[in-house]
Amino acid sequence: MAAQTVKKKVVKVAPPPRAAVTLPEGLAAVRDALGALGFAVQADAESGLAFMFEGGQYYVPAQGDDAGFYHLLFPNFWPLESDEEYGQALFACDAVNREAKLVKLHTVDGDVWAGVEALHAQPQEFVAALPRYLSFVQEAVRAFRDVMLAAQETGDAEEMEDVPEARPEPVA
């Protein structure tokens, strides 16, 4: 008997439809506009919108009754691992906040966050300004990192100064 080849029929099943998320009108317009720009946007009626940009996760939180207020957040970009680092982060946040356009840095539960708060009459105005806001956030995060790394390098240099130099033993 000759071996028979069995053909299997492959049936593709569509994924179940996702439940539609009901968002406030302004936030829904932002979601749609971000999608049109190519962002993969996750929406949640309670927390707002989330999307990825340049390897980081950004959020546009739901703002309740204030339809003209928009908040762009870049959370948890620098974890704080000690009380000393927390103090350095406060100094760095203050230094950057004095110089950065629109962006404010702050600490939240052992991490550093960046945010832009803006007022716009229409959601499309916020989306039109979003590339500039994202650029400002990235500039502020870079400035923060520079201040933190400089503080750490200074701390490392000071620690090295405190360590007595090893002197070679005299050869007898």
N, C-alpha and C. Protein backbone atom coordinates (compact mmCIF):
# COMPACT_ATOMS: atom_id res chain seq x y z
N MET A 1 0.82 -1.17 0.00
CA MET A 1 0.00 0.00 0.00
C MET A 1 0.87 1.25 0.00
N ALA A 2 0.45 2.16 -0.76
CA ALA A 2 1.18 3.43 -0.83
C ALA A 2 0.71 4.32 0.32
N ALA A 3 1.65 5.03 0.83
CA ALA A 3 1.31 5.96 1.92
C ALA A 3 0.46 7.08 1.36
N GLN A 4 -0.55 7.41 2.10
CA GLN A 4 -1.44 8.48 1.66
C GLN A 4 -1.05 9.78 2.35
N THR A 5 -1.09 10.83 1.59
CA THR A 5 -0.82 12.14 2.15
C THR A 5 -2.13 12.72 2.63
N VAL A 6 -2.11 13.10 3.87
CA VAL A 6 -3.31 13.66 4.46
C VAL A 6 -3.17 15.18 4.45
N LYS A 7 -4.10 15.83 3.84
CA LYS A 7 -4.10 17.28 3.83
C LYS A 7 -4.99 17.76 4.96
N LYS A 8 -4.42 18.64 5.74
CA LYS A 8 -5.20 19.22 6.83
C LYS A 8 -5.70 20.58 6.39
N LYS A 9 -6.92 20.79 6.68
CA LYS A 9 -7.50 22.08 6.35
C LYS A 9 -7.26 23.02 7.52
N VAL A 10 -6.66 24.17 7.22
CA VAL A 10 -6.38 25.15 8.25
C VAL A 10 -7.50 26.18 8.24
N VAL A 11 -8.07 26.35 9.39
CA VAL A 11 -9.15 27.32 9.53
C VAL A 11 -8.64 28.45 10.42
N LYS A 12 -8.69 29.66 9.89
CA LYS A 12 -8.27 30.81 10.69
C LYS A 12 -9.49 31.38 11.40
N VAL A 13 -9.31 31.59 12.68
CA VAL A 13 -10.39 32.12 13.48
C VAL A 13 -10.03 33.55 13.87
N ALA A 14 -10.95 34.44 13.62
CA ALA A 14 -10.73 35.84 13.98
C ALA A 14 -10.75 35.97 15.50
N PRO A 15 -9.90 36.85 16.04
CA PRO A 15 -9.93 37.05 17.48
C PRO A 15 -11.28 37.63 17.89
N PRO A 16 -11.67 37.38 19.13
CA PRO A 16 -12.95 37.93 19.58
C PRO A 16 -12.90 39.45 19.52
N PRO A 17 -14.02 40.08 19.20
CA PRO A 17 -14.01 41.55 19.13
C PRO A 17 -13.72 42.14 20.50
N ARG A 18 -12.92 43.19 20.48
CA ARG A 18 -12.60 43.86 21.73
C ARG A 18 -13.78 44.71 22.14
N ALA A 19 -14.01 44.73 23.43
CA ALA A 19 -15.10 45.55 23.94
C ALA A 19 -14.76 47.02 23.68
N ALA A 20 -15.69 47.73 23.17
CA ALA A 20 -15.48 49.15 22.89
C ALA A 20 -15.35 49.90 24.22
N VAL A 21 -14.34 50.73 24.30
CA VAL A 21 -14.11 51.52 25.49
C VAL A 21 -14.79 52.87 25.29
N THR A 22 -15.63 53.22 26.22
CA THR A 22 -16.31 54.50 26.14
C THR A 22 -15.44 55.55 26.81
N LEU A 23 -14.99 56.50 26.01
CA LEU A 23 -14.12 57.57 26.51
C LEU A 23 -14.85 58.89 26.39
N PRO A 24 -14.44 59.86 27.22
CA PRO A 24 -14.97 61.21 27.03
C PRO A 24 -14.66 61.66 25.60
N GLU A 25 -15.49 62.53 25.06
CA GLU A 25 -15.38 62.95 23.67
C GLU A 25 -13.97 63.43 23.31
N GLY A 26 -13.40 64.29 24.13
CA GLY A 26 -12.07 64.84 23.85
C GLY A 26 -11.00 63.77 23.83
N LEU A 27 -11.04 62.85 24.79
CA LEU A 27 -10.06 61.78 24.87
C LEU A 27 -10.22 60.81 23.70
N ALA A 28 -11.46 60.56 23.29
CA ALA A 28 -11.71 59.70 22.13
C ALA A 28 -11.12 60.34 20.88
N ALA A 29 -11.26 61.65 20.76
CA ALA A 29 -10.69 62.35 19.60
C ALA A 29 -9.17 62.27 19.62
N VAL A 30 -8.56 62.37 20.79
CA VAL A 30 -7.10 62.24 20.91
C VAL A 30 -6.69 60.83 20.52
N ARG A 31 -7.41 59.82 21.01
CA ARG A 31 -7.11 58.43 20.65
C ARG A 31 -7.16 58.25 19.15
N ASP A 32 -8.20 58.74 18.51
CA ASP A 32 -8.36 58.58 17.07
C ASP A 32 -7.26 59.32 16.31
N ALA A 33 -6.92 60.52 16.75
CA ALA A 33 -5.88 61.29 16.08
C ALA A 33 -4.51 60.63 16.24
N LEU A 34 -4.23 60.09 17.44
CA LEU A 34 -2.97 59.38 17.66
C LEU A 34 -2.90 58.14 16.77
N GLY A 35 -4.02 57.42 16.67
CA GLY A 35 -4.08 56.26 15.79
C GLY A 35 -3.82 56.63 14.35
N ALA A 36 -4.36 57.76 13.91
CA ALA A 36 -4.16 58.23 12.54
C ALA A 36 -2.69 58.59 12.28
N LEU A 37 -1.97 58.98 13.34
CA LEU A 37 -0.54 59.29 13.22
C LEU A 37 0.33 58.03 13.27
N GLY A 38 -0.29 56.88 13.51
CA GLY A 38 0.46 55.62 13.53
C GLY A 38 0.78 55.09 14.90
N PHE A 39 0.33 55.74 15.95
CA PHE A 39 0.57 55.24 17.30
C PHE A 39 -0.40 54.11 17.61
N ALA A 40 0.09 53.08 18.27
CA ALA A 40 -0.77 52.02 18.78
C ALA A 40 -1.23 52.48 20.16
N VAL A 41 -2.49 52.83 20.27
CA VAL A 41 -3.01 53.44 21.50
C VAL A 41 -3.86 52.44 22.26
N GLN A 42 -3.59 52.31 23.55
CA GLN A 42 -4.43 51.53 24.45
C GLN A 42 -5.29 52.51 25.21
N ALA A 43 -6.59 52.23 25.24
CA ALA A 43 -7.52 53.14 25.91
C ALA A 43 -8.20 52.46 27.08
N ASP A 44 -8.37 53.21 28.15
CA ASP A 44 -9.08 52.75 29.32
C ASP A 44 -9.92 53.93 29.82
N ALA A 45 -11.19 53.69 30.03
CA ALA A 45 -12.09 54.77 30.41
C ALA A 45 -11.68 55.46 31.71
N GLU A 46 -11.10 54.70 32.64
CA GLU A 46 -10.73 55.28 33.94
C GLU A 46 -9.37 55.95 33.93
N SER A 47 -8.39 55.31 33.28
CA SER A 47 -7.04 55.87 33.36
C SER A 47 -6.64 56.70 32.15
N GLY A 48 -7.29 56.52 31.01
CA GLY A 48 -6.97 57.33 29.84
C GLY A 48 -6.30 56.55 28.75
N LEU A 49 -5.32 57.18 28.09
CA LEU A 49 -4.66 56.60 26.93
C LEU A 49 -3.21 56.28 27.24
N ALA A 50 -2.70 55.21 26.62
CA ALA A 50 -1.30 54.85 26.74
C ALA A 50 -0.77 54.56 25.34
N PHE A 51 0.47 55.00 25.08
CA PHE A 51 1.10 54.71 23.79
C PHE A 51 2.61 54.72 23.96
N MET A 52 3.27 54.04 23.06
CA MET A 52 4.73 53.95 23.09
C MET A 52 5.33 54.99 22.14
N PHE A 53 6.46 55.57 22.58
CA PHE A 53 7.21 56.49 21.73
C PHE A 53 8.67 56.39 22.11
N GLU A 54 9.52 56.13 21.13
CA GLU A 54 10.97 56.06 21.34
C GLU A 54 11.33 55.14 22.50
N GLY A 55 10.66 54.01 22.61
CA GLY A 55 10.97 53.03 23.63
C GLY A 55 10.38 53.30 25.01
N GLY A 56 9.63 54.36 25.17
CA GLY A 56 9.02 54.68 26.45
C GLY A 56 7.51 54.69 26.36
N GLN A 57 6.86 54.38 27.47
CA GLN A 57 5.40 54.39 27.51
C GLN A 57 4.92 55.73 28.05
N TYR A 58 4.08 56.37 27.27
CA TYR A 58 3.52 57.68 27.62
C TYR A 58 2.03 57.53 27.89
N TYR A 59 1.50 58.44 28.68
CA TYR A 59 0.08 58.41 29.05
C TYR A 59 -0.55 59.78 28.84
N VAL A 60 -1.81 59.75 28.45
CA VAL A 60 -2.66 60.93 28.46
C VAL A 60 -3.82 60.57 29.38
N PRO A 61 -3.75 60.96 30.65
CA PRO A 61 -4.78 60.57 31.61
C PRO A 61 -6.13 61.23 31.31
N ALA A 62 -7.17 60.53 31.71
CA ALA A 62 -8.52 61.10 31.63
C ALA A 62 -8.59 62.25 32.62
N GLN A 63 -9.21 63.36 32.22
CA GLN A 63 -9.23 64.55 33.07
C GLN A 63 -10.61 64.89 33.61
N GLY A 64 -11.54 63.99 33.51
CA GLY A 64 -12.85 64.25 34.09
C GLY A 64 -13.61 65.36 33.40
N ASP A 65 -14.00 66.35 34.18
CA ASP A 65 -14.87 67.41 33.68
C ASP A 65 -14.14 68.51 32.90
N ASP A 66 -12.84 68.56 32.92
CA ASP A 66 -12.11 69.65 32.29
C ASP A 66 -11.71 69.25 30.87
N ALA A 67 -12.58 69.50 29.91
CA ALA A 67 -12.37 69.07 28.53
C ALA A 67 -11.21 69.79 27.84
N GLY A 68 -10.82 70.95 28.32
CA GLY A 68 -9.75 71.70 27.67
C GLY A 68 -8.36 71.46 28.25
N PHE A 69 -8.27 70.64 29.30
CA PHE A 69 -7.00 70.37 29.97
C PHE A 69 -6.43 69.05 29.49
N TYR A 70 -5.15 69.06 29.11
CA TYR A 70 -4.47 67.85 28.64
C TYR A 70 -3.18 67.67 29.42
N HIS A 71 -2.91 66.43 29.76
CA HIS A 71 -1.72 66.10 30.55
C HIS A 71 -1.03 64.94 29.85
N LEU A 72 0.22 65.15 29.47
CA LEU A 72 1.05 64.10 28.88
C LEU A 72 2.03 63.67 29.95
N LEU A 73 2.06 62.38 30.27
CA LEU A 73 2.96 61.86 31.31
C LEU A 73 3.94 60.84 30.76
N PHE A 74 5.16 60.91 31.24
CA PHE A 74 6.17 59.90 30.98
C PHE A 74 6.64 59.42 32.36
N PRO A 75 5.98 58.37 32.88
CA PRO A 75 6.28 57.94 34.25
C PRO A 75 7.46 56.98 34.34
N ASN A 76 7.99 56.91 35.56
CA ASN A 76 8.96 55.87 35.93
C ASN A 76 10.19 55.81 35.03
N PHE A 77 10.73 56.95 34.63
CA PHE A 77 11.90 56.89 33.76
C PHE A 77 13.21 56.80 34.53
N TRP A 78 13.16 57.03 35.85
CA TRP A 78 14.37 56.91 36.67
C TRP A 78 13.98 56.37 38.04
N PRO A 79 14.30 55.11 38.34
CA PRO A 79 13.99 54.56 39.67
C PRO A 79 14.96 55.11 40.71
N LEU A 80 14.43 55.39 41.89
CA LEU A 80 15.24 55.91 42.99
C LEU A 80 15.51 54.77 43.96
N GLU A 81 16.79 54.46 44.15
CA GLU A 81 17.15 53.26 44.89
C GLU A 81 17.67 53.52 46.30
N SER A 82 17.81 54.78 46.68
CA SER A 82 18.29 55.08 48.03
C SER A 82 17.83 56.48 48.43
N ASP A 83 17.93 56.78 49.71
CA ASP A 83 17.60 58.11 50.19
C ASP A 83 18.54 59.16 49.60
N GLU A 84 19.81 58.78 49.44
CA GLU A 84 20.78 59.70 48.85
C GLU A 84 20.41 60.01 47.40
N GLU A 85 20.02 58.99 46.66
CA GLU A 85 19.63 59.20 45.27
C GLU A 85 18.33 60.02 45.19
N TYR A 86 17.44 59.83 46.15
CA TYR A 86 16.21 60.62 46.20
C TYR A 86 16.55 62.10 46.35
N GLY A 87 17.47 62.41 47.25
CA GLY A 87 17.90 63.80 47.44
C GLY A 87 18.53 64.36 46.18
N GLN A 88 19.36 63.57 45.51
CA GLN A 88 19.97 64.01 44.25
C GLN A 88 18.89 64.25 43.19
N ALA A 89 17.87 63.39 43.18
CA ALA A 89 16.79 63.52 42.20
C ALA A 89 15.99 64.80 42.44
N LEU A 90 15.75 65.15 43.69
CA LEU A 90 15.04 66.40 43.98
C LEU A 90 15.83 67.60 43.47
N PHE A 91 17.14 67.57 43.69
CA PHE A 91 18.01 68.63 43.19
C PHE A 91 17.96 68.68 41.66
N ALA A 92 18.04 67.51 41.02
CA ALA A 92 18.03 67.46 39.55
C ALA A 92 16.69 67.91 38.99
N CYS A 93 15.59 67.48 39.62
CA CYS A 93 14.26 67.93 39.17
C CYS A 93 14.16 69.44 39.24
N ASP A 94 14.61 70.01 40.35
CA ASP A 94 14.56 71.46 40.53
C ASP A 94 15.39 72.17 39.47
N ALA A 95 16.58 71.65 39.20
CA ALA A 95 17.46 72.26 38.19
C ALA A 95 16.82 72.22 36.81
N VAL A 96 16.24 71.09 36.45
CA VAL A 96 15.61 70.96 35.13
C VAL A 96 14.33 71.79 35.05
N ASN A 97 13.53 71.78 36.10
CA ASN A 97 12.26 72.52 36.09
C ASN A 97 12.48 74.02 35.89
N ARG A 98 13.62 74.53 36.35
CA ARG A 98 13.90 75.96 36.17
C ARG A 98 14.18 76.29 34.71
N GLU A 99 14.66 75.33 33.94
CA GLU A 99 15.12 75.60 32.58
C GLU A 99 14.23 75.02 31.48
N ALA A 100 13.54 73.94 31.75
CA ALA A 100 12.80 73.22 30.70
C ALA A 100 11.54 73.97 30.29
N LYS A 101 11.24 73.92 29.01
CA LYS A 101 9.99 74.50 28.50
C LYS A 101 8.86 73.52 28.76
N LEU A 102 7.82 73.99 29.42
CA LEU A 102 6.57 73.26 29.66
C LEU A 102 6.68 72.02 30.52
N VAL A 103 7.79 71.33 30.54
CA VAL A 103 7.92 70.05 31.23
C VAL A 103 8.22 70.28 32.71
N LYS A 104 7.57 69.49 33.53
CA LYS A 104 7.87 69.50 34.96
C LYS A 104 8.20 68.08 35.38
N LEU A 105 9.28 67.94 36.11
CA LEU A 105 9.71 66.65 36.64
C LEU A 105 9.33 66.57 38.10
N HIS A 106 8.96 65.37 38.56
CA HIS A 106 8.61 65.19 39.97
C HIS A 106 8.81 63.72 40.35
N THR A 107 8.86 63.48 41.64
CA THR A 107 9.02 62.11 42.13
C THR A 107 7.65 61.56 42.52
N VAL A 108 7.49 60.25 42.29
CA VAL A 108 6.27 59.54 42.66
C VAL A 108 6.69 58.14 43.11
N ASP A 109 6.46 57.84 44.38
CA ASP A 109 6.68 56.49 44.91
C ASP A 109 8.00 55.85 44.46
N GLY A 110 9.10 56.54 44.64
CA GLY A 110 10.40 55.95 44.34
C GLY A 110 10.80 55.97 42.88
N ASP A 111 10.16 56.79 42.08
CA ASP A 111 10.51 56.95 40.67
C ASP A 111 10.42 58.42 40.31
N VAL A 112 11.00 58.77 39.17
CA VAL A 112 10.89 60.13 38.66
C VAL A 112 10.01 60.10 37.41
N TRP A 113 9.11 61.08 37.34
CA TRP A 113 8.17 61.21 36.22
C TRP A 113 8.38 62.55 35.55
N ALA A 114 8.01 62.62 34.28
CA ALA A 114 7.99 63.88 33.54
C ALA A 114 6.57 64.10 33.05
N GLY A 115 6.16 65.36 33.01
CA GLY A 115 4.81 65.65 32.54
C GLY A 115 4.72 67.02 31.88
N VAL A 116 3.79 67.12 30.95
CA VAL A 116 3.46 68.40 30.31
C VAL A 116 1.97 68.62 30.53
N GLU A 117 1.63 69.78 31.04
CA GLU A 117 0.23 70.16 31.21
C GLU A 117 -0.06 71.28 30.23
N ALA A 118 -1.20 71.16 29.53
CA ALA A 118 -1.51 72.16 28.51
C ALA A 118 -3.01 72.37 28.42
N LEU A 119 -3.38 73.56 27.97
CA LEU A 119 -4.78 73.90 27.73
C LEU A 119 -4.98 74.06 26.22
N HIS A 120 -5.98 73.36 25.70
CA HIS A 120 -6.30 73.44 24.27
C HIS A 120 -7.81 73.46 24.12
N ALA A 121 -8.29 74.27 23.20
CA ALA A 121 -9.73 74.36 22.96
C ALA A 121 -10.28 73.10 22.29
N GLN A 122 -9.44 72.45 21.48
CA GLN A 122 -9.87 71.25 20.75
C GLN A 122 -8.82 70.15 20.91
N PRO A 123 -9.26 68.89 20.94
CA PRO A 123 -8.30 67.79 21.05
C PRO A 123 -7.29 67.78 19.91
N GLN A 124 -7.72 68.20 18.72
CA GLN A 124 -6.82 68.20 17.57
C GLN A 124 -5.65 69.17 17.79
N GLU A 125 -5.89 70.24 18.54
CA GLU A 125 -4.81 71.17 18.85
C GLU A 125 -3.76 70.50 19.74
N PHE A 126 -4.22 69.71 20.70
CA PHE A 126 -3.29 68.97 21.56
C PHE A 126 -2.47 68.00 20.72
N VAL A 127 -3.13 67.25 19.85
CA VAL A 127 -2.42 66.27 19.02
C VAL A 127 -1.45 66.97 18.08
N ALA A 128 -1.83 68.13 17.56
CA ALA A 128 -0.92 68.88 16.68
C ALA A 128 0.33 69.32 17.43
N ALA A 129 0.19 69.64 18.71
CA ALA A 129 1.33 70.07 19.53
C ALA A 129 2.10 68.89 20.13
N LEU A 130 1.55 67.69 20.06
CA LEU A 130 2.14 66.52 20.72
C LEU A 130 3.59 66.24 20.30
N PRO A 131 3.95 66.30 19.01
CA PRO A 131 5.36 66.06 18.68
C PRO A 131 6.31 67.01 19.41
N ARG A 132 5.91 68.24 19.53
CA ARG A 132 6.74 69.22 20.24
C ARG A 132 6.79 68.89 21.73
N TYR A 133 5.65 68.51 22.32
CA TYR A 133 5.62 68.12 23.73
C TYR A 133 6.53 66.91 23.98
N LEU A 134 6.46 65.92 23.10
CA LEU A 134 7.30 64.73 23.25
C LEU A 134 8.78 65.11 23.18
N SER A 135 9.12 66.01 22.29
CA SER A 135 10.49 66.48 22.18
C SER A 135 10.94 67.19 23.46
N PHE A 136 10.06 68.04 24.02
CA PHE A 136 10.38 68.72 25.26
C PHE A 136 10.60 67.74 26.41
N VAL A 137 9.75 66.71 26.47
CA VAL A 137 9.90 65.70 27.53
C VAL A 137 11.23 64.99 27.38
N GLN A 138 11.58 64.60 26.17
CA GLN A 138 12.85 63.89 25.97
C GLN A 138 14.04 64.78 26.32
N GLU A 139 13.97 66.05 25.97
CA GLU A 139 15.05 66.98 26.33
C GLU A 139 15.17 67.10 27.86
N ALA A 140 14.05 67.19 28.55
CA ALA A 140 14.07 67.31 30.01
C ALA A 140 14.61 66.04 30.65
N VAL A 141 14.23 64.88 30.12
CA VAL A 141 14.73 63.61 30.67
C VAL A 141 16.24 63.51 30.46
N ARG A 142 16.72 63.91 29.29
CA ARG A 142 18.17 63.90 29.04
C ARG A 142 18.88 64.84 30.02
N ALA A 143 18.32 66.03 30.22
CA ALA A 143 18.94 66.98 31.15
C ALA A 143 18.97 66.41 32.57
N PHE A 144 17.86 65.78 32.98
CA PHE A 144 17.80 65.15 34.30
C PHE A 144 18.89 64.09 34.43
N ARG A 145 18.98 63.23 33.44
CA ARG A 145 19.99 62.16 33.48
C ARG A 145 21.40 62.74 33.56
N ASP A 146 21.66 63.82 32.81
CA ASP A 146 22.98 64.45 32.85
C ASP A 146 23.29 64.96 34.26
N VAL A 147 22.32 65.61 34.90
CA VAL A 147 22.53 66.13 36.25
C VAL A 147 22.76 64.97 37.23
N MET A 148 21.95 63.91 37.11
CA MET A 148 22.09 62.77 38.02
C MET A 148 23.43 62.07 37.82
N LEU A 149 23.83 61.85 36.57
CA LEU A 149 25.10 61.18 36.32
C LEU A 149 26.28 62.03 36.79
N ALA A 150 26.19 63.34 36.61
CA ALA A 150 27.25 64.22 37.10
C ALA A 150 27.33 64.16 38.63
N ALA A 151 26.18 64.12 39.29
CA ALA A 151 26.16 64.03 40.76
C ALA A 151 26.76 62.71 41.22
N GLN A 152 26.45 61.64 40.49
CA GLN A 152 26.99 60.33 40.86
C GLN A 152 28.50 60.29 40.63
N GLU A 153 28.97 60.88 39.52
CA GLU A 153 30.40 60.91 39.25
C GLU A 153 31.13 61.74 40.31
N THR A 154 30.54 62.86 40.71
CA THR A 154 31.13 63.69 41.76
C THR A 154 31.18 62.91 43.07
N GLY A 155 30.10 62.19 43.37
CA GLY A 155 30.07 61.37 44.58
C GLY A 155 31.11 60.27 44.55
N ASP A 156 31.27 59.64 43.39
CA ASP A 156 32.29 58.59 43.26
C ASP A 156 33.69 59.17 43.43
N ALA A 157 33.93 60.35 42.86
CA ALA A 157 35.24 60.99 42.98
C ALA A 157 35.52 61.35 44.44
N GLU A 158 34.50 61.85 45.15
CA GLU A 158 34.68 62.20 46.56
C GLU A 158 34.95 60.96 47.39
N GLU A 159 34.29 59.86 47.06
CA GLU A 159 34.54 58.60 47.79
C GLU A 159 35.97 58.15 47.57
N MET A 160 36.47 58.32 46.34
CA MET A 160 37.83 57.90 46.03
C MET A 160 38.83 58.76 46.81
N GLU A 161 38.51 60.05 47.02
CA GLU A 161 39.40 60.93 47.77
C GLU A 161 39.45 60.52 49.24
N ASP A 162 38.36 59.96 49.74
CA ASP A 162 38.31 59.56 51.14
C ASP A 162 39.07 58.26 51.41
N VAL A 163 39.33 57.48 50.39
CA VAL A 163 40.02 56.21 50.56
C VAL A 163 41.52 56.48 50.57
N PRO A 164 42.21 56.04 51.65
CA PRO A 164 43.66 56.27 51.68
C PRO A 164 44.33 55.48 50.56
N GLU A 165 45.36 56.12 49.98
CA GLU A 165 46.08 55.45 48.90
C GLU A 165 46.86 54.27 49.47
N ALA A 166 46.87 53.22 48.68
CA ALA A 166 47.66 52.05 49.07
C ALA A 166 49.12 52.37 48.74
N ARG A 167 49.97 52.21 49.72
CA ARG A 167 51.40 52.48 49.49
C ARG A 167 52.11 51.14 49.45
N PRO A 168 53.01 51.01 48.51
CA PRO A 168 53.73 49.74 48.43
C PRO A 168 54.61 49.53 49.67
N GLU A 169 54.67 48.31 50.10
CA GLU A 169 55.53 47.96 51.23
C GLU A 169 56.99 48.06 50.81
N PRO A 170 57.81 48.60 51.70
CA PRO A 170 59.24 48.67 51.34
C PRO A 170 59.81 47.25 51.20
N VAL A 171 60.68 47.10 50.20
CA VAL A 171 61.30 45.79 49.97
C VAL A 171 62.56 45.73 50.83
N ALA A 172 62.70 44.64 51.58
CA ALA A 172 63.84 44.51 52.47
C ALA A 172 64.99 43.84 51.81
